[in-house]
Amino acid sequence: MKNSWKDSIYLQREELARKLREPLARLAERCTPVWNEREQLNALLMEGFASIPHCTYLYCVNADGIQICDNVGAAGLMPEHFGRDRSHRPYMREVVPSWGFLLSDAYISLLNRRPSLTALQVVRTDSRSLGYLGADFD
């Protein structure tokens, strides 16, 4: 029996989430000790960028949704995104499950004006959540 297009999209999202969850969790763990150090976060995300399949941009936001490093992409750093308030973006309004990983619903990106998804991975210490590692996919 042939899957409906909704079933097909669901299965593709499930597969993408499966591919992203572990690499993002590993990278988020590495962010914890340098969380408030912009340059060190930038370097860490540059180093880890290739480990996130199909990724367009990586960045970190604090618990209030304010970006605390540059965007990191295949072309390098995009410092104009430092300090950006992402709190009103659709993916920041979704509830992150208790396991700390969310693959957002599709939305239209502000930068490229095309359909996108964002994966959020909670960055935490033993006692509290610091914010999120974000990965955009166009």
N, C-alpha and C. Protein backbone atom coordinates (compact mmCIF):
# COMPACT_ATOMS: atom_id res chain seq x y z
N MET A 1 0.83 -1.18 0.00
CA MET A 1 0.00 0.00 0.00
C MET A 1 0.88 1.25 0.00
N LYS A 2 0.55 2.21 -0.80
CA LYS A 2 1.33 3.43 -0.94
C LYS A 2 1.00 4.40 0.20
N ASN A 3 2.06 5.03 0.78
CA ASN A 3 1.87 6.01 1.84
C ASN A 3 1.24 7.28 1.28
N SER A 4 0.40 7.92 2.09
CA SER A 4 -0.11 9.24 1.72
C SER A 4 1.04 10.23 1.83
N TRP A 5 0.89 11.42 1.28
CA TRP A 5 1.96 12.41 1.36
C TRP A 5 2.18 12.82 2.82
N LYS A 6 1.12 12.83 3.63
CA LYS A 6 1.30 13.16 5.06
C LYS A 6 2.12 12.08 5.75
N ASP A 7 1.85 10.84 5.44
CA ASP A 7 2.63 9.75 6.03
C ASP A 7 4.08 9.83 5.58
N SER A 8 4.28 10.17 4.33
CA SER A 8 5.63 10.28 3.78
C SER A 8 6.41 11.40 4.49
N ILE A 9 5.78 12.54 4.68
CA ILE A 9 6.43 13.65 5.39
C ILE A 9 6.75 13.25 6.83
N TYR A 10 5.81 12.60 7.49
CA TYR A 10 6.04 12.15 8.86
C TYR A 10 7.24 11.21 8.93
N LEU A 11 7.32 10.27 8.03
CA LEU A 11 8.42 9.31 8.03
C LEU A 11 9.76 10.00 7.74
N GLN A 12 9.77 10.99 6.83
CA GLN A 12 10.99 11.73 6.53
C GLN A 12 11.44 12.56 7.74
N ARG A 13 10.50 13.19 8.42
CA ARG A 13 10.83 13.97 9.64
C ARG A 13 11.39 13.05 10.72
N GLU A 14 10.77 11.90 10.87
CA GLU A 14 11.23 10.93 11.86
C GLU A 14 12.66 10.48 11.56
N GLU A 15 12.96 10.23 10.30
CA GLU A 15 14.30 9.81 9.89
C GLU A 15 15.32 10.94 10.12
N LEU A 16 14.95 12.17 9.77
CA LEU A 16 15.85 13.30 10.00
C LEU A 16 16.11 13.48 11.50
N ALA A 17 15.07 13.41 12.31
CA ALA A 17 15.25 13.55 13.76
C ALA A 17 16.18 12.46 14.29
N ARG A 18 16.03 11.25 13.80
CA ARG A 18 16.88 10.14 14.23
C ARG A 18 18.35 10.42 13.89
N LYS A 19 18.60 10.99 12.72
CA LYS A 19 19.97 11.29 12.29
C LYS A 19 20.59 12.45 13.06
N LEU A 20 19.76 13.36 13.55
CA LEU A 20 20.26 14.59 14.18
C LEU A 20 20.41 14.51 15.68
N ARG A 21 19.61 13.73 16.32
CA ARG A 21 19.52 13.75 17.78
C ARG A 21 20.87 13.51 18.47
N GLU A 22 21.55 12.44 18.13
CA GLU A 22 22.82 12.13 18.81
C GLU A 22 23.93 13.14 18.50
N PRO A 23 24.16 13.49 17.21
CA PRO A 23 25.24 14.47 16.97
C PRO A 23 24.98 15.83 17.62
N LEU A 24 23.72 16.26 17.65
CA LEU A 24 23.42 17.53 18.31
C LEU A 24 23.60 17.42 19.83
N ALA A 25 23.21 16.31 20.41
CA ALA A 25 23.39 16.11 21.85
C ALA A 25 24.88 16.13 22.22
N ARG A 26 25.71 15.47 21.41
CA ARG A 26 27.16 15.47 21.68
C ARG A 26 27.74 16.88 21.58
N LEU A 27 27.33 17.62 20.55
CA LEU A 27 27.84 18.97 20.37
C LEU A 27 27.34 19.89 21.49
N ALA A 28 26.10 19.73 21.91
CA ALA A 28 25.55 20.54 23.00
C ALA A 28 26.33 20.32 24.29
N GLU A 29 26.70 19.08 24.56
CA GLU A 29 27.50 18.77 25.77
C GLU A 29 28.82 19.53 25.74
N ARG A 30 29.42 19.61 24.56
CA ARG A 30 30.70 20.31 24.43
C ARG A 30 30.54 21.82 24.58
N CYS A 31 29.34 22.34 24.37
CA CYS A 31 29.09 23.78 24.51
C CYS A 31 29.04 24.23 25.97
N THR A 32 28.66 23.35 26.87
CA THR A 32 28.44 23.72 28.27
C THR A 32 29.62 24.46 28.90
N PRO A 33 30.86 23.95 28.82
CA PRO A 33 31.96 24.65 29.52
C PRO A 33 32.33 26.01 28.92
N VAL A 34 31.93 26.28 27.68
CA VAL A 34 32.29 27.55 27.04
C VAL A 34 31.04 28.40 26.75
N TRP A 35 29.96 28.13 27.47
CA TRP A 35 28.65 28.70 27.15
C TRP A 35 28.66 30.22 27.03
N ASN A 36 29.30 30.93 27.88
CA ASN A 36 29.27 32.39 27.83
C ASN A 36 30.49 33.00 27.15
N GLU A 37 31.17 32.22 26.33
CA GLU A 37 32.38 32.68 25.63
C GLU A 37 32.12 32.65 24.13
N ARG A 38 31.75 33.79 23.56
CA ARG A 38 31.36 33.87 22.15
C ARG A 38 32.38 33.25 21.21
N GLU A 39 33.64 33.66 21.33
CA GLU A 39 34.67 33.19 20.40
C GLU A 39 34.88 31.68 20.53
N GLN A 40 34.86 31.18 21.75
CA GLN A 40 35.05 29.73 21.94
C GLN A 40 33.85 28.95 21.42
N LEU A 41 32.63 29.48 21.61
CA LEU A 41 31.45 28.82 21.04
C LEU A 41 31.53 28.80 19.51
N ASN A 42 31.92 29.94 18.93
CA ASN A 42 32.08 30.00 17.47
C ASN A 42 33.05 28.93 16.98
N ALA A 43 34.19 28.83 17.64
CA ALA A 43 35.20 27.84 17.23
C ALA A 43 34.67 26.42 17.38
N LEU A 44 33.99 26.16 18.46
CA LEU A 44 33.43 24.83 18.70
C LEU A 44 32.38 24.47 17.65
N LEU A 45 31.51 25.42 17.32
CA LEU A 45 30.48 25.16 16.31
C LEU A 45 31.09 25.01 14.92
N MET A 46 32.13 25.77 14.63
CA MET A 46 32.84 25.60 13.34
C MET A 46 33.42 24.20 13.25
N GLU A 47 34.03 23.75 14.32
CA GLU A 47 34.64 22.43 14.36
C GLU A 47 33.58 21.33 14.23
N GLY A 48 32.42 21.52 14.85
CA GLY A 48 31.38 20.50 14.85
C GLY A 48 30.40 20.57 13.71
N PHE A 49 30.48 21.62 12.89
CA PHE A 49 29.48 21.83 11.82
C PHE A 49 29.34 20.61 10.89
N ALA A 50 30.43 20.04 10.47
CA ALA A 50 30.38 18.92 9.52
C ALA A 50 29.75 17.67 10.13
N SER A 51 29.66 17.60 11.45
CA SER A 51 29.09 16.41 12.09
C SER A 51 27.56 16.43 12.11
N ILE A 52 26.95 17.54 11.70
CA ILE A 52 25.49 17.66 11.70
C ILE A 52 25.00 17.53 10.26
N PRO A 53 24.41 16.39 9.91
CA PRO A 53 24.01 16.15 8.51
C PRO A 53 22.99 17.17 7.99
N HIS A 54 23.22 17.64 6.78
CA HIS A 54 22.28 18.51 6.04
C HIS A 54 22.10 19.90 6.65
N CYS A 55 22.95 20.30 7.59
CA CYS A 55 22.78 21.55 8.33
C CYS A 55 23.13 22.76 7.46
N THR A 56 22.33 23.83 7.60
CA THR A 56 22.61 25.10 6.94
C THR A 56 23.34 26.05 7.89
N TYR A 57 22.84 26.17 9.13
CA TYR A 57 23.45 27.05 10.13
C TYR A 57 23.37 26.40 11.51
N LEU A 58 24.38 26.69 12.33
CA LEU A 58 24.38 26.35 13.75
C LEU A 58 24.51 27.64 14.55
N TYR A 59 23.94 27.66 15.75
CA TYR A 59 24.05 28.81 16.65
C TYR A 59 23.57 28.39 18.02
N CYS A 60 23.84 29.22 19.02
CA CYS A 60 23.37 28.98 20.38
C CYS A 60 22.57 30.19 20.84
N VAL A 61 21.51 29.90 21.57
CA VAL A 61 20.68 30.96 22.17
C VAL A 61 20.55 30.69 23.65
N ASN A 62 20.46 31.76 24.43
CA ASN A 62 20.26 31.59 25.87
C ASN A 62 18.81 31.23 26.15
N ALA A 63 18.46 31.07 27.40
CA ALA A 63 17.12 30.65 27.79
C ALA A 63 16.05 31.66 27.38
N ASP A 64 16.44 32.91 27.14
CA ASP A 64 15.50 33.94 26.69
C ASP A 64 15.39 34.03 25.17
N GLY A 65 16.14 33.18 24.45
CA GLY A 65 16.08 33.18 23.00
C GLY A 65 17.00 34.18 22.33
N ILE A 66 17.96 34.74 23.07
CA ILE A 66 18.91 35.70 22.51
C ILE A 66 20.16 34.94 22.07
N GLN A 67 20.58 35.17 20.83
CA GLN A 67 21.73 34.45 20.28
C GLN A 67 23.01 34.93 20.93
N ILE A 68 23.83 33.98 21.40
CA ILE A 68 25.04 34.32 22.17
C ILE A 68 26.33 34.02 21.40
N CYS A 69 26.21 33.68 20.13
CA CYS A 69 27.37 33.47 19.26
C CYS A 69 26.96 33.86 17.84
N ASP A 70 27.88 33.74 16.91
CA ASP A 70 27.57 34.03 15.52
C ASP A 70 26.84 32.83 14.90
N ASN A 71 26.20 33.05 13.75
CA ASN A 71 25.74 31.91 12.96
C ASN A 71 26.98 31.26 12.37
N VAL A 72 26.98 29.95 12.33
CA VAL A 72 28.06 29.19 11.72
C VAL A 72 27.46 28.41 10.56
N GLY A 73 28.04 28.58 9.37
CA GLY A 73 27.57 27.87 8.19
C GLY A 73 28.75 27.35 7.38
N ALA A 74 28.45 26.76 6.25
CA ALA A 74 29.50 26.20 5.40
C ALA A 74 30.49 27.27 4.95
N ALA A 75 30.02 28.51 4.80
CA ALA A 75 30.89 29.60 4.36
C ALA A 75 31.63 30.27 5.51
N GLY A 76 31.37 29.83 6.75
CA GLY A 76 32.07 30.42 7.88
C GLY A 76 31.13 31.11 8.84
N LEU A 77 31.66 32.13 9.52
CA LEU A 77 30.91 32.85 10.55
C LEU A 77 30.07 33.98 9.95
N MET A 78 28.91 34.20 10.55
CA MET A 78 28.04 35.31 10.18
C MET A 78 27.80 36.13 11.46
N PRO A 79 28.73 37.06 11.77
CA PRO A 79 28.67 37.77 13.05
C PRO A 79 27.46 38.69 13.20
N GLU A 80 26.80 39.04 12.12
CA GLU A 80 25.64 39.93 12.21
C GLU A 80 24.47 39.31 12.97
N HIS A 81 24.52 38.01 13.23
CA HIS A 81 23.45 37.34 13.96
C HIS A 81 23.68 37.31 15.47
N PHE A 82 24.88 37.69 15.92
CA PHE A 82 25.15 37.74 17.36
C PHE A 82 24.18 38.73 18.01
N GLY A 83 23.57 38.34 19.11
CA GLY A 83 22.63 39.21 19.82
C GLY A 83 21.22 39.20 19.26
N ARG A 84 20.98 38.44 18.22
CA ARG A 84 19.67 38.37 17.58
C ARG A 84 18.64 37.77 18.55
N ASP A 85 17.48 38.39 18.58
CA ASP A 85 16.38 37.89 19.42
C ASP A 85 15.57 36.89 18.59
N ARG A 86 15.71 35.63 18.91
CA ARG A 86 14.98 34.57 18.21
C ARG A 86 13.75 34.12 18.99
N SER A 87 13.44 34.78 20.08
CA SER A 87 12.37 34.32 20.97
C SER A 87 11.00 34.29 20.30
N HIS A 88 10.80 35.06 19.25
CA HIS A 88 9.50 35.10 18.59
C HIS A 88 9.43 34.21 17.35
N ARG A 89 10.52 33.52 17.04
CA ARG A 89 10.51 32.62 15.88
C ARG A 89 9.64 31.39 16.20
N PRO A 90 9.04 30.81 15.18
CA PRO A 90 8.10 29.69 15.41
C PRO A 90 8.71 28.53 16.21
N TYR A 91 9.95 28.16 15.93
CA TYR A 91 10.57 27.03 16.62
C TYR A 91 10.82 27.30 18.09
N MET A 92 10.93 28.57 18.49
CA MET A 92 11.15 28.91 19.89
C MET A 92 9.83 28.90 20.67
N ARG A 93 8.73 28.83 19.99
CA ARG A 93 7.42 28.82 20.64
C ARG A 93 6.89 27.39 20.82
N GLU A 94 7.59 26.42 20.25
CA GLU A 94 7.18 25.03 20.41
C GLU A 94 7.73 24.50 21.74
N VAL A 95 7.04 23.54 22.29
CA VAL A 95 7.46 22.94 23.56
C VAL A 95 8.52 21.88 23.28
N VAL A 96 9.68 22.05 23.90
CA VAL A 96 10.76 21.07 23.75
C VAL A 96 10.44 19.88 24.67
N PRO A 97 10.40 18.67 24.12
CA PRO A 97 10.09 17.50 24.95
C PRO A 97 11.10 17.32 26.09
N SER A 98 10.71 16.53 27.07
CA SER A 98 11.53 16.34 28.27
C SER A 98 12.90 15.76 27.96
N TRP A 99 13.06 15.05 26.83
CA TRP A 99 14.37 14.49 26.50
C TRP A 99 15.30 15.54 25.89
N GLY A 100 14.81 16.78 25.67
CA GLY A 100 15.69 17.88 25.31
C GLY A 100 15.97 18.08 23.84
N PHE A 101 15.22 17.43 22.95
CA PHE A 101 15.44 17.58 21.50
C PHE A 101 14.11 17.86 20.83
N LEU A 102 14.11 18.84 19.93
CA LEU A 102 12.92 19.19 19.16
C LEU A 102 13.28 19.38 17.70
N LEU A 103 12.53 18.80 16.81
CA LEU A 103 12.60 19.12 15.39
C LEU A 103 11.33 19.89 15.09
N SER A 104 11.48 21.16 14.73
CA SER A 104 10.33 22.05 14.59
C SER A 104 9.43 21.67 13.42
N ASP A 105 8.27 22.27 13.42
CA ASP A 105 7.42 22.23 12.24
C ASP A 105 8.07 23.11 11.18
N ALA A 106 7.66 22.96 9.94
CA ALA A 106 8.20 23.79 8.85
C ALA A 106 7.73 25.23 9.02
N TYR A 107 8.58 26.16 8.62
CA TYR A 107 8.27 27.59 8.64
C TYR A 107 9.04 28.24 7.50
N ILE A 108 8.77 29.51 7.21
CA ILE A 108 9.50 30.25 6.17
C ILE A 108 10.63 31.01 6.85
N SER A 109 11.87 30.78 6.38
CA SER A 109 13.03 31.44 6.98
C SER A 109 13.02 32.94 6.67
N LEU A 110 13.50 33.74 7.61
CA LEU A 110 13.60 35.18 7.39
C LEU A 110 14.72 35.52 6.43
N LEU A 111 15.82 34.79 6.51
CA LEU A 111 17.00 35.09 5.71
C LEU A 111 16.84 34.67 4.25
N ASN A 112 16.45 33.41 4.03
CA ASN A 112 16.39 32.88 2.66
C ASN A 112 15.00 32.82 2.07
N ARG A 113 13.98 33.12 2.87
CA ARG A 113 12.58 33.16 2.40
C ARG A 113 12.14 31.85 1.76
N ARG A 114 12.53 30.73 2.37
CA ARG A 114 12.09 29.43 1.87
C ARG A 114 11.78 28.51 3.04
N PRO A 115 11.07 27.42 2.76
CA PRO A 115 10.71 26.53 3.87
C PRO A 115 11.95 26.01 4.59
N SER A 116 11.85 25.96 5.91
CA SER A 116 12.97 25.55 6.76
C SER A 116 12.45 24.76 7.95
N LEU A 117 13.39 24.07 8.58
CA LEU A 117 13.15 23.38 9.85
C LEU A 117 14.29 23.79 10.77
N THR A 118 14.03 23.76 12.07
CA THR A 118 15.07 23.99 13.06
C THR A 118 15.04 22.85 14.07
N ALA A 119 16.21 22.36 14.39
CA ALA A 119 16.35 21.40 15.49
C ALA A 119 16.92 22.17 16.67
N LEU A 120 16.31 21.96 17.83
CA LEU A 120 16.81 22.55 19.07
C LEU A 120 17.22 21.44 20.01
N GLN A 121 18.42 21.60 20.58
CA GLN A 121 18.92 20.67 21.57
C GLN A 121 19.20 21.47 22.84
N VAL A 122 18.62 21.06 23.94
CA VAL A 122 18.85 21.76 25.21
C VAL A 122 20.32 21.62 25.59
N VAL A 123 20.90 22.74 26.04
CA VAL A 123 22.26 22.75 26.59
C VAL A 123 22.07 22.95 28.09
N ARG A 124 22.59 22.01 28.89
CA ARG A 124 22.35 22.09 30.33
C ARG A 124 23.59 21.70 31.13
N THR A 125 23.60 22.22 32.33
CA THR A 125 24.55 21.76 33.34
C THR A 125 23.81 20.69 34.14
N ASP A 126 24.44 20.17 35.16
CA ASP A 126 23.77 19.18 36.00
C ASP A 126 22.52 19.74 36.66
N SER A 127 22.53 21.03 36.94
CA SER A 127 21.44 21.61 37.73
C SER A 127 20.42 22.44 36.95
N ARG A 128 20.77 22.90 35.75
CA ARG A 128 19.82 23.79 35.05
C ARG A 128 20.08 23.84 33.55
N SER A 129 19.07 24.34 32.85
CA SER A 129 19.16 24.54 31.41
C SER A 129 19.80 25.91 31.16
N LEU A 130 20.79 25.93 30.26
CA LEU A 130 21.46 27.18 29.89
C LEU A 130 20.79 27.85 28.69
N GLY A 131 20.26 27.04 27.79
CA GLY A 131 19.67 27.53 26.56
C GLY A 131 19.61 26.40 25.55
N TYR A 132 19.82 26.75 24.26
CA TYR A 132 19.68 25.77 23.19
C TYR A 132 20.78 25.89 22.15
N LEU A 133 21.15 24.76 21.62
CA LEU A 133 21.93 24.69 20.39
C LEU A 133 20.91 24.58 19.28
N GLY A 134 20.97 25.49 18.33
CA GLY A 134 20.03 25.48 17.21
C GLY A 134 20.73 25.07 15.93
N ALA A 135 20.02 24.30 15.12
CA ALA A 135 20.52 23.89 13.81
C ALA A 135 19.41 24.11 12.80
N ASP A 136 19.68 24.94 11.80
CA ASP A 136 18.69 25.25 10.76
C ASP A 136 18.93 24.39 9.53
N PHE A 137 17.84 24.05 8.88
CA PHE A 137 17.87 23.22 7.68
C PHE A 137 16.93 23.85 6.65
N ASP A 138 17.47 24.21 5.49
CA ASP A 138 16.66 24.78 4.40
C ASP A 138 16.36 23.70 3.39
